[in-house]
Amino acid sequence: MRLTYIYHSGFAIETEGYTILIDYFKDTGKTPDTGFVHDELLRRAGTLYILSSHFHPDHFNPDVLKWKEIKSDIKYIFSKDILKRHRATAEDAVYLKKGDVFEDENIRIRAFGSTDVGISFLIEAEGKLLFHAGDLNNWHWKDESTPQEVAKAEGDYLRELDILAQATGHLHLAMFPVDPRIGTDFMRGAEQFVDRIKTDVLVPMHFWEHPAEVVAFGPYAESKGCRYILLSYPGESTDF
């Protein structure tokens, strides 16, 4: 399997027979309709699964719905808030809320919770368990927040993490936010994640234009037996 970083929280997972595209925001090229997705994935044989974890514009681009005019074999699996926010219609996609499952002959997707809006995805594909966090994270700005706000963010996150850990104690791959904007504790959510769930490979996301700042998580991940792979520029890939 090959993982390609598209941008922000967007990733493509290629298998021999199909492709999974998660939280597409924009392509890797210099114009909106050029880059790895338009030039490669939309021309690739096999089913293209398009997953969106929530309606925020940095995680969902409604232009993906136009792609069915280019490629017939597309399946859309969206968080239910996208429908509720009228970003798409009931006929456009399969909609999941926390606890729901999508399954076909290739993949199985279980929707887990978020500490923001929408869901996170646990994907079973090719005998591997893959997790995309969406906006699930320990979102608190300790340098600016009150102790009560920090405690609430911590509790909300740990509850969702516990639900995921009860479903699986081992992930082959996790795509997880490591966002320097949070400040002092920007790695805390990722640290708690690999503490709680054995993760073979963790790939950071949601770092915007600051990949160099998230290199710092590497030693902690490695200390937990987790391989840390930073895909720092759009279009960069790794096999796993």
C-alpha atoms as a PDB file:
ATOM      1  CA  MET A   1       0.000   0.000   0.000  1.00  0.00           C
ATOM      2  CA  ARG A   2       1.137   3.517  -0.715  1.00  0.00           C
ATOM      3  CA  LEU A   3       0.275   6.635   1.273  1.00  0.00           C
ATOM      4  CA  THR A   4       0.533  10.040  -0.394  1.00  0.00           C
ATOM      5  CA  TYR A   5       0.214  13.358   1.417  1.00  0.00           C
ATOM      6  CA  ILE A   6      -2.058  15.702  -0.522  1.00  0.00           C
ATOM      7  CA  TYR A   7      -2.280  18.751   1.735  1.00  0.00           C
ATOM      8  CA  HIS A   8      -3.163  19.656   5.338  1.00  0.00           C
ATOM      9  CA  SER A   9      -5.178  16.589   6.458  1.00  0.00           C
ATOM     10  CA  GLY A  10      -5.633  15.122   2.994  1.00  0.00           C
ATOM     11  CA  PHE A  11      -4.151  11.737   2.108  1.00  0.00           C
ATOM     12  CA  ALA A  12      -4.480   9.141  -0.628  1.00  0.00           C
ATOM     13  CA  ILE A  13      -4.070   5.429   0.045  1.00  0.00           C
ATOM     14  CA  GLU A  14      -3.423   3.301  -3.028  1.00  0.00           C
ATOM     15  CA  THR A  15      -3.886  -0.451  -3.099  1.00  0.00           C
ATOM     16  CA  GLU A  16      -3.558  -2.727  -6.085  1.00  0.00           C
ATOM     17  CA  GLY A  17      -7.268  -2.579  -6.892  1.00  0.00           C
ATOM     18  CA  TYR A  18      -8.664   0.671  -5.469  1.00  0.00           C
ATOM     19  CA  THR A  19      -7.848   4.057  -3.946  1.00  0.00           C
ATOM     20  CA  ILE A  20      -8.981   5.863  -0.791  1.00  0.00           C
ATOM     21  CA  LEU A  21      -8.859   9.675  -0.665  1.00  0.00           C
ATOM     22  CA  ILE A  22      -9.452  11.265   2.738  1.00  0.00           C
ATOM     23  CA  ASP A  23     -10.262  14.883   3.646  1.00  0.00           C
ATOM     24  CA  TYR A  24      -9.392  16.386   0.279  1.00  0.00           C
ATOM     25  CA  PHE A  25      -8.965  20.148   0.570  1.00  0.00           C
ATOM     26  CA  LYS A  26      -6.911  21.073  -2.470  1.00  0.00           C
ATOM     27  CA  ASP A  27      -4.657  19.321  -4.955  1.00  0.00           C
ATOM     28  CA  THR A  28      -0.875  19.335  -5.094  1.00  0.00           C
ATOM     29  CA  GLY A  29      -0.572  21.411  -8.285  1.00  0.00           C
ATOM     30  CA  LYS A  30      -0.316  25.145  -8.857  1.00  0.00           C
ATOM     31  CA  THR A  31      -3.898  25.404 -10.131  1.00  0.00           C
ATOM     32  CA  PRO A  32      -7.066  23.919  -8.588  1.00  0.00           C
ATOM     33  CA  ASP A  33      -7.481  21.213 -11.221  1.00  0.00           C
ATOM     34  CA  THR A  34      -3.887  20.015 -11.474  1.00  0.00           C
ATOM     35  CA  GLY A  35      -1.770  17.799  -9.291  1.00  0.00           C
ATOM     36  CA  PHE A  36      -1.590  14.259  -8.030  1.00  0.00           C
ATOM     37  CA  VAL A  37      -5.341  13.806  -7.560  1.00  0.00           C
ATOM     38  CA  HIS A  38      -6.458  15.195 -10.906  1.00  0.00           C
ATOM     39  CA  ASP A  39      -3.536  13.916 -12.956  1.00  0.00           C
ATOM     40  CA  GLU A  40      -3.115  10.495 -11.347  1.00  0.00           C
ATOM     41  CA  LEU A  41      -5.908   9.329  -9.063  1.00  0.00           C
ATOM     42  CA  LEU A  42      -8.867  10.351 -11.208  1.00  0.00           C
ATOM     43  CA  ARG A  43      -7.305   8.393 -14.074  1.00  0.00           C
ATOM     44  CA  ARG A  44      -6.395   5.366 -12.007  1.00  0.00           C
ATOM     45  CA  ALA A  45      -8.284   2.111 -12.549  1.00  0.00           C
ATOM     46  CA  GLY A  46     -10.464   0.741  -9.759  1.00  0.00           C
ATOM     47  CA  THR A  47     -12.896   2.262  -7.298  1.00  0.00           C
ATOM     48  CA  LEU A  48     -12.063   5.632  -5.777  1.00  0.00           C
ATOM     49  CA  TYR A  49     -13.421   6.039  -2.244  1.00  0.00           C
ATOM     50  CA  ILE A  50     -13.716   9.662  -1.157  1.00  0.00           C
ATOM     51  CA  LEU A  51     -14.008  10.156   2.603  1.00  0.00           C
ATOM     52  CA  SER A  52     -14.667  13.466   4.350  1.00  0.00           C
ATOM     53  CA  SER A  53     -14.619  13.668   8.145  1.00  0.00           C
ATOM     54  CA  HIS A  54     -16.569  16.930   8.514  1.00  0.00           C
ATOM     55  CA  PHE A  55     -17.778  20.049   6.751  1.00  0.00           C
ATOM     56  CA  HIS A  56     -14.934  22.456   7.591  1.00  0.00           C
ATOM     57  CA  PRO A  57     -13.509  23.797   4.322  1.00  0.00           C
ATOM     58  CA  ASP A  58      -9.997  22.571   5.155  1.00  0.00           C
ATOM     59  CA  HIS A  59     -11.384  19.006   5.303  1.00  0.00           C
ATOM     60  CA  PHE A  60     -14.175  19.023   2.704  1.00  0.00           C
ATOM     61  CA  ASN A  61     -14.180  20.501  -0.787  1.00  0.00           C
ATOM     62  CA  PRO A  62     -17.561  20.192  -2.551  1.00  0.00           C
ATOM     63  CA  ASP A  63     -15.746  20.079  -5.893  1.00  0.00           C
ATOM     64  CA  VAL A  64     -15.175  16.379  -5.243  1.00  0.00           C
ATOM     65  CA  LEU A  65     -18.812  15.802  -6.193  1.00  0.00           C
ATOM     66  CA  LYS A  66     -18.063  16.997  -9.733  1.00  0.00           C
ATOM     67  CA  TRP A  67     -15.516  14.226 -10.190  1.00  0.00           C
ATOM     68  CA  LYS A  68     -18.218  11.636 -10.872  1.00  0.00           C
ATOM     69  CA  GLU A  69     -18.508  13.326 -14.275  1.00  0.00           C
ATOM     70  CA  ILE A  70     -14.859  12.388 -14.904  1.00  0.00           C
ATOM     71  CA  LYS A  71     -14.690   8.988 -13.204  1.00  0.00           C
ATOM     72  CA  SER A  72     -17.719   6.726 -12.899  1.00  0.00           C
ATOM     73  CA  ASP A  73     -16.399   4.380 -10.219  1.00  0.00           C
ATOM     74  CA  ILE A  74     -16.473   6.716  -7.209  1.00  0.00           C
ATOM     75  CA  LYS A  75     -18.011   6.072  -3.798  1.00  0.00           C
ATOM     76  CA  TYR A  76     -18.516   9.017  -1.446  1.00  0.00           C
ATOM     77  CA  ILE A  77     -18.527   8.383   2.317  1.00  0.00           C
ATOM     78  CA  PHE A  78     -19.124  11.588   4.264  1.00  0.00           C
ATOM     79  CA  SER A  79     -19.744  12.600   7.849  1.00  0.00           C
ATOM     80  CA  LYS A  80     -23.413  13.325   8.484  1.00  0.00           C
ATOM     81  CA  ASP A  81     -22.728  16.947   9.436  1.00  0.00           C
ATOM     82  CA  ILE A  82     -21.917  17.614   5.763  1.00  0.00           C
ATOM     83  CA  LEU A  83     -25.512  16.724   4.926  1.00  0.00           C
ATOM     84  CA  LYS A  84     -26.920  18.657   7.890  1.00  0.00           C
ATOM     85  CA  ARG A  85     -24.949  21.744   6.866  1.00  0.00           C
ATOM     86  CA  HIS A  86     -26.333  21.427   3.326  1.00  0.00           C
ATOM     87  CA  ARG A  87     -22.888  21.023   1.771  1.00  0.00           C
ATOM     88  CA  ALA A  88     -24.201  17.991  -0.163  1.00  0.00           C
ATOM     89  CA  THR A  89     -27.528  16.251  -0.779  1.00  0.00           C
ATOM     90  CA  ALA A  90     -28.832  12.944   0.526  1.00  0.00           C
ATOM     91  CA  GLU A  91     -28.244  11.338  -2.873  1.00  0.00           C
ATOM     92  CA  ASP A  92     -24.617  12.436  -3.118  1.00  0.00           C
ATOM     93  CA  ALA A  93     -23.038  10.112  -0.564  1.00  0.00           C
ATOM     94  CA  VAL A  94     -23.303   7.542   2.172  1.00  0.00           C
ATOM     95  CA  TYR A  95     -23.415   9.503   5.424  1.00  0.00           C
ATOM     96  CA  LEU A  96     -21.950   8.249   8.691  1.00  0.00           C
ATOM     97  CA  LYS A  97     -22.276   9.397  12.268  1.00  0.00           C
ATOM     98  CA  LYS A  98     -20.308   8.108  15.230  1.00  0.00           C
ATOM     99  CA  GLY A  99     -20.881   4.365  15.553  1.00  0.00           C
ATOM    100  CA  ASP A 100     -21.957   3.794  11.947  1.00  0.00           C
ATOM    101  CA  VAL A 101     -20.272   1.344   9.573  1.00  0.00           C
ATOM    102  CA  PHE A 102     -19.791   1.290   5.805  1.00  0.00           C
ATOM    103  CA  GLU A 103     -18.690  -1.966   4.238  1.00  0.00           C
ATOM    104  CA  ASP A 104     -18.345  -3.357   0.739  1.00  0.00           C
ATOM    105  CA  GLU A 105     -16.242  -6.008  -0.983  1.00  0.00           C
ATOM    106  CA  ASN A 106     -13.027  -3.975  -0.534  1.00  0.00           C
ATOM    107  CA  ILE A 107     -13.089  -2.000   2.684  1.00  0.00           C
ATOM    108  CA  ARG A 108     -14.822  -1.585   6.024  1.00  0.00           C
ATOM    109  CA  ILE A 109     -15.086   1.861   7.602  1.00  0.00           C
ATOM    110  CA  ARG A 110     -16.151   2.484  11.188  1.00  0.00           C
ATOM    111  CA  ALA A 111     -16.978   6.023  12.284  1.00  0.00           C
ATOM    112  CA  PHE A 112     -15.565   7.130  15.612  1.00  0.00           C
ATOM    113  CA  GLY A 113     -15.945  10.432  17.406  1.00  0.00           C
ATOM    114  CA  SER A 114     -14.200  13.784  17.265  1.00  0.00           C
ATOM    115  CA  THR A 115     -13.401  16.526  19.737  1.00  0.00           C
ATOM    116  CA  ASP A 116     -14.451  19.058  17.125  1.00  0.00           C
ATOM    117  CA  VAL A 117     -17.210  18.514  14.585  1.00  0.00           C
ATOM    118  CA  GLY A 118     -17.774  15.340  12.569  1.00  0.00           C
ATOM    119  CA  ILE A 119     -16.103  11.961  12.872  1.00  0.00           C
ATOM    120  CA  SER A 120     -12.852  10.045  12.596  1.00  0.00           C
ATOM    121  CA  PHE A 121     -12.340   6.958  10.436  1.00  0.00           C
ATOM    122  CA  LEU A 122     -11.123   3.454  11.294  1.00  0.00           C
ATOM    123  CA  ILE A 123     -10.534   1.721   7.970  1.00  0.00           C
ATOM    124  CA  GLU A 124      -9.965  -1.979   7.402  1.00  0.00           C
ATOM    125  CA  ALA A 125      -8.275  -2.528   4.036  1.00  0.00           C
ATOM    126  CA  GLU A 126      -6.005  -5.254   2.677  1.00  0.00           C
ATOM    127  CA  GLY A 127      -5.712  -6.847   6.103  1.00  0.00           C
ATOM    128  CA  LYS A 128      -4.537  -3.613   7.724  1.00  0.00           C
ATOM    129  CA  LEU A 129      -6.146  -1.233  10.207  1.00  0.00           C
ATOM    130  CA  LEU A 130      -5.782   2.434   9.306  1.00  0.00           C
ATOM    131  CA  PHE A 131      -6.982   5.419  11.308  1.00  0.00           C
ATOM    132  CA  HIS A 132      -7.611   8.976  10.126  1.00  0.00           C
ATOM    133  CA  ALA A 133      -8.372  11.284  13.036  1.00  0.00           C
ATOM    134  CA  GLY A 134     -10.204  14.047  11.179  1.00  0.00           C
ATOM    135  CA  ASP A 135     -10.221  16.781  13.829  1.00  0.00           C
ATOM    136  CA  LEU A 136      -9.965  14.406  16.780  1.00  0.00           C
ATOM    137  CA  ASN A 137      -7.231  15.762  19.034  1.00  0.00           C
ATOM    138  CA  ASN A 138      -6.518  17.165  22.470  1.00  0.00           C
ATOM    139  CA  TRP A 139      -7.361  20.685  21.342  1.00  0.00           C
ATOM    140  CA  HIS A 140      -6.391  23.050  24.108  1.00  0.00           C
ATOM    141  CA  TRP A 141      -4.214  26.102  24.029  1.00  0.00           C
ATOM    142  CA  LYS A 142      -2.591  25.777  27.475  1.00  0.00           C
ATOM    143  CA  ASP A 143      -0.786  29.081  27.078  1.00  0.00           C
ATOM    144  CA  GLU A 144      -4.117  30.889  26.630  1.00  0.00           C
ATOM    145  CA  SER A 145      -6.799  28.638  28.149  1.00  0.00           C
ATOM    146  CA  THR A 146      -8.136  28.530  31.696  1.00  0.00           C
ATOM    147  CA  PRO A 147      -7.458  25.421  33.797  1.00  0.00           C
ATOM    148  CA  GLN A 148     -11.125  24.515  33.397  1.00  0.00           C
ATOM    149  CA  GLU A 149     -10.909  24.738  29.602  1.00  0.00           C
ATOM    150  CA  VAL A 150      -7.770  22.618  29.587  1.00  0.00           C
ATOM    151  CA  ALA A 151      -9.411  20.005  31.818  1.00  0.00           C
ATOM    152  CA  LYS A 152     -12.507  19.843  29.609  1.00  0.00           C
ATOM    153  CA  ALA A 153     -10.476  19.455  26.408  1.00  0.00           C
ATOM    154  CA  GLU A 154      -8.371  16.768  28.054  1.00  0.00           C
ATOM    155  CA  GLY A 155     -11.400  14.852  29.305  1.00  0.00           C
ATOM    156  CA  ASP A 156     -13.265  15.061  26.005  1.00  0.00           C
ATOM    157  CA  TYR A 157     -10.266  13.754  24.102  1.00  0.00           C
ATOM    158  CA  LEU A 158      -9.444  10.928  26.488  1.00  0.00           C
ATOM    159  CA  ARG A 159     -13.051   9.705  26.382  1.00  0.00           C
ATOM    160  CA  GLU A 160     -12.968   9.451  22.591  1.00  0.00           C
ATOM    161  CA  LEU A 161      -9.531   7.850  22.681  1.00  0.00           C
ATOM    162  CA  ASP A 162     -10.786   5.256  25.149  1.00  0.00           C
ATOM    163  CA  ILE A 163     -13.682   4.328  22.850  1.00  0.00           C
ATOM    164  CA  LEU A 164     -11.248   3.805  19.980  1.00  0.00           C
ATOM    165  CA  ALA A 165      -8.851   1.808  22.163  1.00  0.00           C
ATOM    166  CA  GLN A 166     -11.685  -0.497  23.200  1.00  0.00           C
ATOM    167  CA  ALA A 167     -12.295  -1.245  19.514  1.00  0.00           C
ATOM    168  CA  THR A 168      -8.653  -1.893  18.652  1.00  0.00           C
ATOM    169  CA  GLY A 169      -5.389  -2.003  20.546  1.00  0.00           C
ATOM    170  CA  HIS A 170      -3.242  -2.011  17.417  1.00  0.00           C
ATOM    171  CA  LEU A 171      -3.094   0.157  14.303  1.00  0.00           C
ATOM    172  CA  HIS A 172      -0.872  -0.355  11.287  1.00  0.00           C
ATOM    173  CA  LEU A 173      -1.124   3.332  10.364  1.00  0.00           C
ATOM    174  CA  ALA A 174      -2.508   6.473  12.002  1.00  0.00           C
ATOM    175  CA  MET A 175      -2.869   9.892  10.387  1.00  0.00           C
ATOM    176  CA  PHE A 176      -3.097  12.283  13.315  1.00  0.00           C
ATOM    177  CA  PRO A 177      -2.992  16.078  13.937  1.00  0.00           C
ATOM    178  CA  VAL A 178       0.262  17.521  15.220  1.00  0.00           C
ATOM    179  CA  ASP A 179      -0.542  21.229  15.024  1.00  0.00           C
ATOM    180  CA  PRO A 180       2.100  23.733  16.208  1.00  0.00           C
ATOM    181  CA  ARG A 181      -0.524  26.485  16.538  1.00  0.00           C
ATOM    182  CA  ILE A 182      -1.654  24.886  19.813  1.00  0.00           C
ATOM    183  CA  GLY A 183       1.505  26.117  21.504  1.00  0.00           C
ATOM    184  CA  THR A 184       3.322  24.446  24.391  1.00  0.00           C
ATOM    185  CA  ASP A 185       1.309  21.227  24.366  1.00  0.00           C
ATOM    186  CA  PHE A 186       0.948  20.793  20.612  1.00  0.00           C
ATOM    187  CA  MET A 187       2.232  17.194  20.743  1.00  0.00           C
ATOM    188  CA  ARG A 188       0.187  16.121  23.766  1.00  0.00           C
ATOM    189  CA  GLY A 189      -2.701  14.554  21.838  1.00  0.00           C
ATOM    190  CA  ALA A 190      -0.345  12.530  19.660  1.00  0.00           C
ATOM    191  CA  GLU A 191       1.670  11.443  22.706  1.00  0.00           C
ATOM    192  CA  GLN A 192      -1.475  10.237  24.453  1.00  0.00           C
ATOM    193  CA  PHE A 193      -2.540   8.458  21.278  1.00  0.00           C
ATOM    194  CA  VAL A 194       0.600   6.335  20.938  1.00  0.00           C
ATOM    195  CA  ASP A 195       0.626   5.769  24.709  1.00  0.00           C
ATOM    196  CA  ARG A 196      -2.867   4.280  24.538  1.00  0.00           C
ATOM    197  CA  ILE A 197      -2.853   2.422  21.207  1.00  0.00           C
ATOM    198  CA  LYS A 198       0.037   0.457  19.727  1.00  0.00           C
ATOM    199  CA  THR A 199       0.661   2.213  16.426  1.00  0.00           C
ATOM    200  CA  ASP A 200       3.123   0.856  13.883  1.00  0.00           C
ATOM    201  CA  VAL A 201       3.343   4.068  11.840  1.00  0.00           C
ATOM    202  CA  LEU A 202       2.118   7.576  12.656  1.00  0.00           C
ATOM    203  CA  VAL A 203       2.010  10.248   9.974  1.00  0.00           C
ATOM    204  CA  PRO A 204       1.349  13.813  11.199  1.00  0.00           C
ATOM    205  CA  MET A 205      -1.161  16.149   9.606  1.00  0.00           C
ATOM    206  CA  HIS A 206      -2.799  19.544  10.213  1.00  0.00           C
ATOM    207  CA  PHE A 207       0.588  21.270  10.454  1.00  0.00           C
ATOM    208  CA  TRP A 208      -0.228  23.740   7.669  1.00  0.00           C
ATOM    209  CA  GLU A 209       2.986  25.250   6.255  1.00  0.00           C
ATOM    210  CA  HIS A 210       5.193  24.301   9.199  1.00  0.00           C
ATOM    211  CA  PRO A 211       6.412  20.723   8.743  1.00  0.00           C
ATOM    212  CA  ALA A 212       9.783  21.453  10.344  1.00  0.00           C
ATOM    213  CA  GLU A 213       8.107  22.189  13.669  1.00  0.00           C
ATOM    214  CA  VAL A 214       6.497  18.759  13.943  1.00  0.00           C
ATOM    215  CA  VAL A 215       9.781  16.875  13.522  1.00  0.00           C
ATOM    216  CA  ALA A 216       9.998  17.189  17.307  1.00  0.00           C
ATOM    217  CA  PHE A 217       7.442  14.419  17.843  1.00  0.00           C
ATOM    218  CA  GLY A 218       9.730  11.827  16.264  1.00  0.00           C
ATOM    219  CA  PRO A 219      11.785  10.822  19.333  1.00  0.00           C
ATOM    220  CA  TYR A 220       8.683  10.337  21.487  1.00  0.00           C
ATOM    221  CA  ALA A 221       6.970   8.206  18.849  1.00  0.00           C
ATOM    222  CA  GLU A 222      10.075   6.083  18.378  1.00  0.00           C
ATOM    223  CA  SER A 223      10.346   5.583  22.153  1.00  0.00           C
ATOM    224  CA  LYS A 224       6.920   3.918  21.988  1.00  0.00           C
ATOM    225  CA  GLY A 225       7.893   1.611  19.142  1.00  0.00           C
ATOM    226  CA  CYS A 226       6.061   3.763  16.610  1.00  0.00           C
ATOM    227  CA  ARG A 227       7.684   4.675  13.313  1.00  0.00           C
ATOM    228  CA  TYR A 228       7.161   8.391  12.696  1.00  0.00           C
ATOM    229  CA  ILE A 229       6.983   9.400   9.040  1.00  0.00           C
ATOM    230  CA  LEU A 230       6.675  13.090   8.225  1.00  0.00           C
ATOM    231  CA  LEU A 231       5.465  13.646   4.668  1.00  0.00           C
ATOM    232  CA  SER A 232       6.448  17.283   4.542  1.00  0.00           C
ATOM    233  CA  TYR A 233       5.380  18.424   1.075  1.00  0.00           C
ATOM    234  CA  PRO A 234       2.259  17.813  -1.039  1.00  0.00           C
ATOM    235  CA  GLY A 235       2.692  14.769  -3.243  1.00  0.00           C
ATOM    236  CA  GLU A 236       5.278  13.053  -1.044  1.00  0.00           C
ATOM    237  CA  SER A 237       4.632   9.316  -0.618  1.00  0.00           C
ATOM    238  CA  THR A 238       5.656   6.340   1.476  1.00  0.00           C
ATOM    239  CA  ASP A 239       4.973   2.621   1.177  1.00  0.00           C
ATOM    240  CA  PHE A 240       3.775   0.741   4.230  1.00  0.00           C
END
